[in-house]
Amino acid sequence: ANLHDTGSSLTAMLQVPGIDEKDLKVEV
């Protein structure tokens, strides 16, 4: 994963090849 600060927001990018969106859970 990479985490970037854009000033007004944070962006996290994770490499998840072969995983469907229905098999992912994101919580803050």
PDB file of all heavy atoms in Angstrom:
ATOM      1  N   ALA A   1       0.823  -1.206   0.000  1.00  0.00           N
ATOM      2  CA  ALA A   1       0.000   0.000   0.000  1.00  0.00           C
ATOM      3  C   ALA A   1       0.856   1.255   0.000  1.00  0.00           C
ATOM      4  O   ALA A   1       1.997   1.244   0.453  1.00  0.00           O
ATOM      5  CB  ALA A   1      -0.905  -0.003   1.229  1.00  0.00           C
ATOM      6  N   ASN A   2       0.280   2.333  -0.517  1.00  0.00           N
ATOM      7  CA  ASN A   2       0.854   3.675  -0.445  1.00  0.00           C
ATOM      8  C   ASN A   2      -0.215   4.592   0.118  1.00  0.00           C
ATOM      9  O   ASN A   2      -1.401   4.433  -0.187  1.00  0.00           O
ATOM     10  CB  ASN A   2       1.271   4.193  -1.829  1.00  0.00           C
ATOM     11  CG  ASN A   2       2.468   3.465  -2.389  1.00  0.00           C
ATOM     12  OD1 ASN A   2       3.298   2.955  -1.652  1.00  0.00           O
ATOM     13  ND2 ASN A   2       2.536   3.402  -3.702  1.00  0.00           N
ATOM     14  N   LEU A   3       0.192   5.579   0.924  1.00  0.00           N
ATOM     15  CA  LEU A   3      -0.724   6.563   1.473  1.00  0.00           C
ATOM     16  C   LEU A   3      -0.186   7.945   1.123  1.00  0.00           C
ATOM     17  O   LEU A   3       0.973   8.252   1.410  1.00  0.00           O
ATOM     18  CB  LEU A   3      -0.845   6.396   2.992  1.00  0.00           C
ATOM     19  CG  LEU A   3      -1.792   7.355   3.709  1.00  0.00           C
ATOM     20  CD1 LEU A   3      -3.234   7.132   3.267  1.00  0.00           C
ATOM     21  CD2 LEU A   3      -1.676   7.168   5.216  1.00  0.00           C
ATOM     22  N   HIS A   4      -1.021   8.765   0.486  1.00  0.00           N
ATOM     23  CA  HIS A   4      -0.617  10.099   0.041  1.00  0.00           C
ATOM     24  C   HIS A   4      -1.505  11.154   0.675  1.00  0.00           C
ATOM     25  O   HIS A   4      -2.706  10.946   0.836  1.00  0.00           O
ATOM     26  CB  HIS A   4      -0.735  10.224  -1.490  1.00  0.00           C
ATOM     27  CG  HIS A   4       0.051   9.213  -2.242  1.00  0.00           C
ATOM     28  ND1 HIS A   4       1.395   9.338  -2.467  1.00  0.00           N
ATOM     29  CD2 HIS A   4      -0.321   8.050  -2.828  1.00  0.00           C
ATOM     30  CE1 HIS A   4       1.823   8.292  -3.155  1.00  0.00           C
ATOM     31  NE2 HIS A   4       0.795   7.497  -3.388  1.00  0.00           N
ATOM     32  N   ASP A   5      -0.915  12.298   0.994  1.00  0.00           N
ATOM     33  CA  ASP A   5      -1.641  13.453   1.519  1.00  0.00           C
ATOM     34  C   ASP A   5      -1.724  14.482   0.397  1.00  0.00           C
ATOM     35  O   ASP A   5      -0.707  14.935  -0.115  1.00  0.00           O
ATOM     36  CB  ASP A   5      -0.891  14.035   2.720  1.00  0.00           C
ATOM     37  CG  ASP A   5      -1.674  15.117   3.437  1.00  0.00           C
ATOM     38  OD1 ASP A   5      -2.525  15.780   2.806  1.00  0.00           O
ATOM     39  OD2 ASP A   5      -1.423  15.308   4.641  1.00  0.00           O
ATOM     40  N   THR A   6      -2.952  14.843  -0.004  1.00  0.00           N
ATOM     41  CA  THR A   6      -3.136  15.802  -1.098  1.00  0.00           C
ATOM     42  C   THR A   6      -3.464  17.196  -0.591  1.00  0.00           C
ATOM     43  O   THR A   6      -3.807  18.067  -1.376  1.00  0.00           O
ATOM     44  CB  THR A   6      -4.253  15.334  -2.050  1.00  0.00           C
ATOM     45  OG1 THR A   6      -5.493  15.345  -1.332  1.00  0.00           O
ATOM     46  CG2 THR A   6      -3.975  13.963  -2.603  1.00  0.00           C
ATOM     47  N   GLY A   7      -3.411  17.407   0.715  1.00  0.00           N
ATOM     48  CA  GLY A   7      -3.760  18.704   1.293  1.00  0.00           C
ATOM     49  C   GLY A   7      -5.136  18.661   1.923  1.00  0.00           C
ATOM     50  O   GLY A   7      -5.283  18.801   3.123  1.00  0.00           O
ATOM     51  N   SER A   8      -6.164  18.444   1.109  1.00  0.00           N
ATOM     52  CA  SER A   8      -7.529  18.398   1.634  1.00  0.00           C
ATOM     53  C   SER A   8      -8.027  16.976   1.849  1.00  0.00           C
ATOM     54  O   SER A   8      -9.091  16.772   2.426  1.00  0.00           O
ATOM     55  CB  SER A   8      -8.480  19.130   0.691  1.00  0.00           C
ATOM     56  OG  SER A   8      -8.491  18.493  -0.578  1.00  0.00           O
ATOM     57  N   SER A   9      -7.253  15.990   1.382  1.00  0.00           N
ATOM     58  CA  SER A   9      -7.672  14.596   1.554  1.00  0.00           C
ATOM     59  C   SER A   9      -6.452  13.682   1.646  1.00  0.00           C
ATOM     60  O   SER A   9      -5.328  14.076   1.356  1.00  0.00           O
ATOM     61  CB  SER A   9      -8.566  14.150   0.391  1.00  0.00           C
ATOM     62  OG  SER A   9      -7.840  14.156  -0.824  1.00  0.00           O
ATOM     63  N   LEU A  10      -6.719  12.443   2.060  1.00  0.00           N
ATOM     64  CA  LEU A  10      -5.714  11.385   2.070  1.00  0.00           C
ATOM     65  C   LEU A  10      -6.149  10.336   1.064  1.00  0.00           C
ATOM     66  O   LEU A  10      -7.340  10.059   0.927  1.00  0.00           O
ATOM     67  CB  LEU A  10      -5.613  10.743   3.456  1.00  0.00           C
ATOM     68  CG  LEU A  10      -5.233  11.657   4.616  1.00  0.00           C
ATOM     69  CD1 LEU A  10      -5.339  10.897   5.938  1.00  0.00           C
ATOM     70  CD2 LEU A  10      -3.831  12.198   4.435  1.00  0.00           C
ATOM     71  N   THR A  11      -5.187   9.758   0.358  1.00  0.00           N
ATOM     72  CA  THR A  11      -5.494   8.711  -0.606  1.00  0.00           C
ATOM     73  C   THR A  11      -4.635   7.491  -0.302  1.00  0.00           C
ATOM     74  O   THR A  11      -3.409   7.602  -0.216  1.00  0.00           O
ATOM     75  CB  THR A  11      -5.221   9.180  -2.051  1.00  0.00           C
ATOM     76  OG1 THR A  11      -6.022  10.329  -2.318  1.00  0.00           O
ATOM     77  CG2 THR A  11      -5.567   8.095  -3.057  1.00  0.00           C
ATOM     78  N   ALA A  12      -5.291   6.352  -0.130  1.00  0.00           N
ATOM     79  CA  ALA A  12      -4.594   5.082   0.068  1.00  0.00           C
ATOM     80  C   ALA A  12      -4.781   4.246  -1.192  1.00  0.00           C
ATOM     81  O   ALA A  12      -5.892   4.150  -1.717  1.00  0.00           O
ATOM     82  CB  ALA A  12      -5.151   4.333   1.282  1.00  0.00           C
ATOM     83  N   MET A  13      -3.678   3.671  -1.692  1.00  0.00           N
ATOM     84  CA  MET A  13      -3.743   2.814  -2.870  1.00  0.00           C
ATOM     85  C   MET A  13      -3.147   1.459  -2.488  1.00  0.00           C
ATOM     86  O   MET A  13      -2.008   1.393  -2.039  1.00  0.00           O
ATOM     87  CB  MET A  13      -2.993   3.450  -4.029  1.00  0.00           C
ATOM     88  CG  MET A  13      -3.573   4.799  -4.432  1.00  0.00           C
ATOM     89  SD  MET A  13      -2.639   5.636  -5.710  1.00  0.00           S
ATOM     90  CE  MET A  13      -3.109   4.649  -7.112  1.00  0.00           C
ATOM     91  N   LEU A  14      -3.933   0.399  -2.652  1.00  0.00           N
ATOM     92  CA  LEU A  14      -3.518  -0.948  -2.296  1.00  0.00           C
ATOM     93  C   LEU A  14      -3.585  -1.851  -3.516  1.00  0.00           C
ATOM     94  O   LEU A  14      -4.562  -1.801  -4.276  1.00  0.00           O
ATOM     95  CB  LEU A  14      -4.423  -1.525  -1.205  1.00  0.00           C
ATOM     96  CG  LEU A  14      -4.371  -0.839   0.149  1.00  0.00           C
ATOM     97  CD1 LEU A  14      -5.396   0.264   0.229  1.00  0.00           C
ATOM     98  CD2 LEU A  14      -4.588  -1.848   1.238  1.00  0.00           C
ATOM     99  N   GLN A  15      -2.584  -2.672  -3.706  1.00  0.00           N
ATOM    100  CA  GLN A  15      -2.555  -3.622  -4.818  1.00  0.00           C
ATOM    101  C   GLN A  15      -3.282  -4.891  -4.393  1.00  0.00           C
ATOM    102  O   GLN A  15      -2.816  -5.616  -3.520  1.00  0.00           O
ATOM    103  CB  GLN A  15      -1.131  -3.941  -5.207  1.00  0.00           C
ATOM    104  CG  GLN A  15      -0.369  -2.758  -5.735  1.00  0.00           C
ATOM    105  CD  GLN A  15       1.070  -3.106  -6.064  1.00  0.00           C
ATOM    106  OE1 GLN A  15       1.455  -4.264  -6.126  1.00  0.00           O
ATOM    107  NE2 GLN A  15       1.879  -2.086  -6.261  1.00  0.00           N
ATOM    108  N   VAL A  16      -4.435  -5.159  -5.016  1.00  0.00           N
ATOM    109  CA  VAL A  16      -5.249  -6.321  -4.674  1.00  0.00           C
ATOM    110  C   VAL A  16      -5.650  -7.100  -5.934  1.00  0.00           C
ATOM    111  O   VAL A  16      -6.823  -7.292  -6.212  1.00  0.00           O
ATOM    112  CB  VAL A  16      -6.497  -5.915  -3.860  1.00  0.00           C
ATOM    113  CG1 VAL A  16      -6.121  -5.451  -2.464  1.00  0.00           C
ATOM    114  CG2 VAL A  16      -7.296  -4.826  -4.573  1.00  0.00           C
ATOM    115  N   PRO A  17      -4.663  -7.576  -6.703  1.00  0.00           N
ATOM    116  CA  PRO A  17      -5.001  -8.267  -7.953  1.00  0.00           C
ATOM    117  C   PRO A  17      -5.797  -9.540  -7.693  1.00  0.00           C
ATOM    118  O   PRO A  17      -5.538 -10.263  -6.732  1.00  0.00           O
ATOM    119  CB  PRO A  17      -3.632  -8.590  -8.557  1.00  0.00           C
ATOM    120  CG  PRO A  17      -2.706  -8.627  -7.392  1.00  0.00           C
ATOM    121  CD  PRO A  17      -3.230  -7.605  -6.427  1.00  0.00           C
ATOM    122  N   GLY A  18      -6.774  -9.778  -8.540  1.00  0.00           N
ATOM    123  CA  GLY A  18      -7.560 -11.004  -8.455  1.00  0.00           C
ATOM    124  C   GLY A  18      -8.649 -10.985  -7.407  1.00  0.00           C
ATOM    125  O   GLY A  18      -9.272 -12.018  -7.150  1.00  0.00           O
ATOM    126  N   ILE A  19      -8.913  -9.841  -6.795  1.00  0.00           N
ATOM    127  CA  ILE A  19      -9.950  -9.757  -5.772  1.00  0.00           C
ATOM    128  C   ILE A  19     -11.112  -8.930  -6.311  1.00  0.00           C
ATOM    129  O   ILE A  19     -10.922  -7.841  -6.849  1.00  0.00           O
ATOM    130  CB  ILE A  19      -9.399  -9.138  -4.475  1.00  0.00           C
ATOM    131  CG1 ILE A  19      -8.260 -10.014  -3.939  1.00  0.00           C
ATOM    132  CG2 ILE A  19     -10.503  -8.988  -3.435  1.00  0.00           C
ATOM    133  CD1 ILE A  19      -7.606  -9.482  -2.694  1.00  0.00           C
ATOM    134  N   ASP A  20     -12.328  -9.472  -6.183  1.00  0.00           N
ATOM    135  CA  ASP A  20     -13.526  -8.758  -6.616  1.00  0.00           C
ATOM    136  C   ASP A  20     -13.932  -7.735  -5.570  1.00  0.00           C
ATOM    137  O   ASP A  20     -13.669  -7.913  -4.375  1.00  0.00           O
ATOM    138  CB  ASP A  20     -14.691  -9.732  -6.819  1.00  0.00           C
ATOM    139  CG  ASP A  20     -14.481 -10.651  -8.003  1.00  0.00           C
ATOM    140  OD1 ASP A  20     -13.820 -10.232  -8.977  1.00  0.00           O
ATOM    141  OD2 ASP A  20     -14.971 -11.794  -7.953  1.00  0.00           O
ATOM    142  N   GLU A  21     -14.628  -6.680  -6.008  1.00  0.00           N
ATOM    143  CA  GLU A  21     -15.056  -5.639  -5.083  1.00  0.00           C
ATOM    144  C   GLU A  21     -15.980  -6.180  -3.999  1.00  0.00           C
ATOM    145  O   GLU A  21     -15.991  -5.698  -2.873  1.00  0.00           O
ATOM    146  CB  GLU A  21     -15.705  -4.459  -5.820  1.00  0.00           C
ATOM    147  CG  GLU A  21     -17.024  -4.764  -6.489  1.00  0.00           C
ATOM    148  CD  GLU A  21     -16.888  -5.363  -7.892  1.00  0.00           C
ATOM    149  OE1 GLU A  21     -15.774  -5.519  -8.405  1.00  0.00           O
ATOM    150  OE2 GLU A  21     -17.941  -5.691  -8.471  1.00  0.00           O
ATOM    151  N   LYS A  22     -16.743  -7.224  -4.309  1.00  0.00           N
ATOM    152  CA  LYS A  22     -17.643  -7.799  -3.307  1.00  0.00           C
ATOM    153  C   LYS A  22     -16.889  -8.545  -2.209  1.00  0.00           C
ATOM    154  O   LYS A  22     -17.442  -8.806  -1.143  1.00  0.00           O
ATOM    155  CB  LYS A  22     -18.678  -8.709  -3.972  1.00  0.00           C
ATOM    156  CG  LYS A  22     -18.115  -9.970  -4.588  1.00  0.00           C
ATOM    157  CD  LYS A  22     -19.223 -10.784  -5.228  1.00  0.00           C
ATOM    158  CE  LYS A  22     -18.827 -12.055  -5.892  1.00  0.00           C
ATOM    159  NZ  LYS A  22     -17.489 -12.412  -6.086  1.00  0.00           N
ATOM    160  N   ASP A  23     -15.624  -8.843  -2.435  1.00  0.00           N
ATOM    161  CA  ASP A  23     -14.802  -9.544  -1.449  1.00  0.00           C
ATOM    162  C   ASP A  23     -13.904  -8.597  -0.657  1.00  0.00           C
ATOM    163  O   ASP A  23     -13.008  -9.036   0.056  1.00  0.00           O
ATOM    164  CB  ASP A  23     -13.945 -10.610  -2.132  1.00  0.00           C
ATOM    165  CG  ASP A  23     -14.795 -11.711  -2.757  1.00  0.00           C
ATOM    166  OD1 ASP A  23     -15.812 -12.078  -2.142  1.00  0.00           O
ATOM    167  OD2 ASP A  23     -14.456 -12.180  -3.854  1.00  0.00           O
ATOM    168  N   LEU A  24     -14.131  -7.276  -0.789  1.00  0.00           N
ATOM    169  CA  LEU A  24     -13.350  -6.269  -0.077  1.00  0.00           C
ATOM    170  C   LEU A  24     -14.221  -5.537   0.931  1.00  0.00           C
ATOM    171  O   LEU A  24     -15.409  -5.306   0.690  1.00  0.00           O
ATOM    172  CB  LEU A  24     -12.772  -5.239  -1.053  1.00  0.00           C
ATOM    173  CG  LEU A  24     -11.645  -5.714  -1.948  1.00  0.00           C
ATOM    174  CD1 LEU A  24     -11.393  -4.701  -3.052  1.00  0.00           C
ATOM    175  CD2 LEU A  24     -10.384  -5.950  -1.138  1.00  0.00           C
ATOM    176  N   LYS A  25     -13.625  -5.166   2.063  1.00  0.00           N
ATOM    177  CA  LYS A  25     -14.321  -4.397   3.090  1.00  0.00           C
ATOM    178  C   LYS A  25     -13.404  -3.239   3.488  1.00  0.00           C
ATOM    179  O   LYS A  25     -12.242  -3.460   3.819  1.00  0.00           O
ATOM    180  CB  LYS A  25     -14.625  -5.277   4.287  1.00  0.00           C
ATOM    181  CG  LYS A  25     -15.383  -4.590   5.393  1.00  0.00           C
ATOM    182  CD  LYS A  25     -15.686  -5.582   6.511  1.00  0.00           C
ATOM    183  CE  LYS A  25     -16.412  -4.906   7.647  1.00  0.00           C
ATOM    184  NZ  LYS A  25     -16.646  -5.839   8.762  1.00  0.00           N
ATOM    185  N   VAL A  26     -13.932  -2.017   3.439  1.00  0.00           N
ATOM    186  CA  VAL A  26     -13.167  -0.820   3.787  1.00  0.00           C
ATOM    187  C   VAL A  26     -13.901  -0.126   4.928  1.00  0.00           C
ATOM    188  O   VAL A  26     -15.098   0.140   4.828  1.00  0.00           O
ATOM    189  CB  VAL A  26     -13.039   0.130   2.577  1.00  0.00           C
ATOM    190  CG1 VAL A  26     -12.310   1.402   2.961  1.00  0.00           C
ATOM    191  CG2 VAL A  26     -12.348  -0.567   1.414  1.00  0.00           C
ATOM    192  N   GLU A  27     -13.155   0.152   6.019  1.00  0.00           N
ATOM    193  CA  GLU A  27     -13.746   0.816   7.178  1.00  0.00           C
ATOM    194  C   GLU A  27     -12.837   1.956   7.630  1.00  0.00           C
ATOM    195  O   GLU A  27     -11.615   1.812   7.617  1.00  0.00           O
ATOM    196  CB  GLU A  27     -13.895  -0.140   8.358  1.00  0.00           C
ATOM    197  CG  GLU A  27     -14.881  -1.255   8.143  1.00  0.00           C
ATOM    198  CD  GLU A  27     -14.955  -2.173   9.348  1.00  0.00           C
ATOM    199  OE1 GLU A  27     -13.906  -2.684   9.767  1.00  0.00           O
ATOM    200  OE2 GLU A  27     -16.075  -2.338   9.870  1.00  0.00           O
ATOM    201  N   VAL A  28     -13.459   3.068   8.037  1.00  0.00           N
ATOM    202  CA  VAL A  28     -12.731   4.173   8.654  1.00  0.00           C
ATOM    203  C   VAL A  28     -13.378   4.400  10.008  1.00  0.00           C
ATOM    204  O   VAL A  28     -14.578   4.618  10.111  1.00  0.00           O
ATOM    205  CB  VAL A  28     -12.807   5.464   7.813  1.00  0.00           C
ATOM    206  CG1 VAL A  28     -12.158   6.617   8.553  1.00  0.00           C
ATOM    207  CG2 VAL A  28     -12.145   5.261   6.471  1.00  0.00           C
TER     208      VAL A  28
END
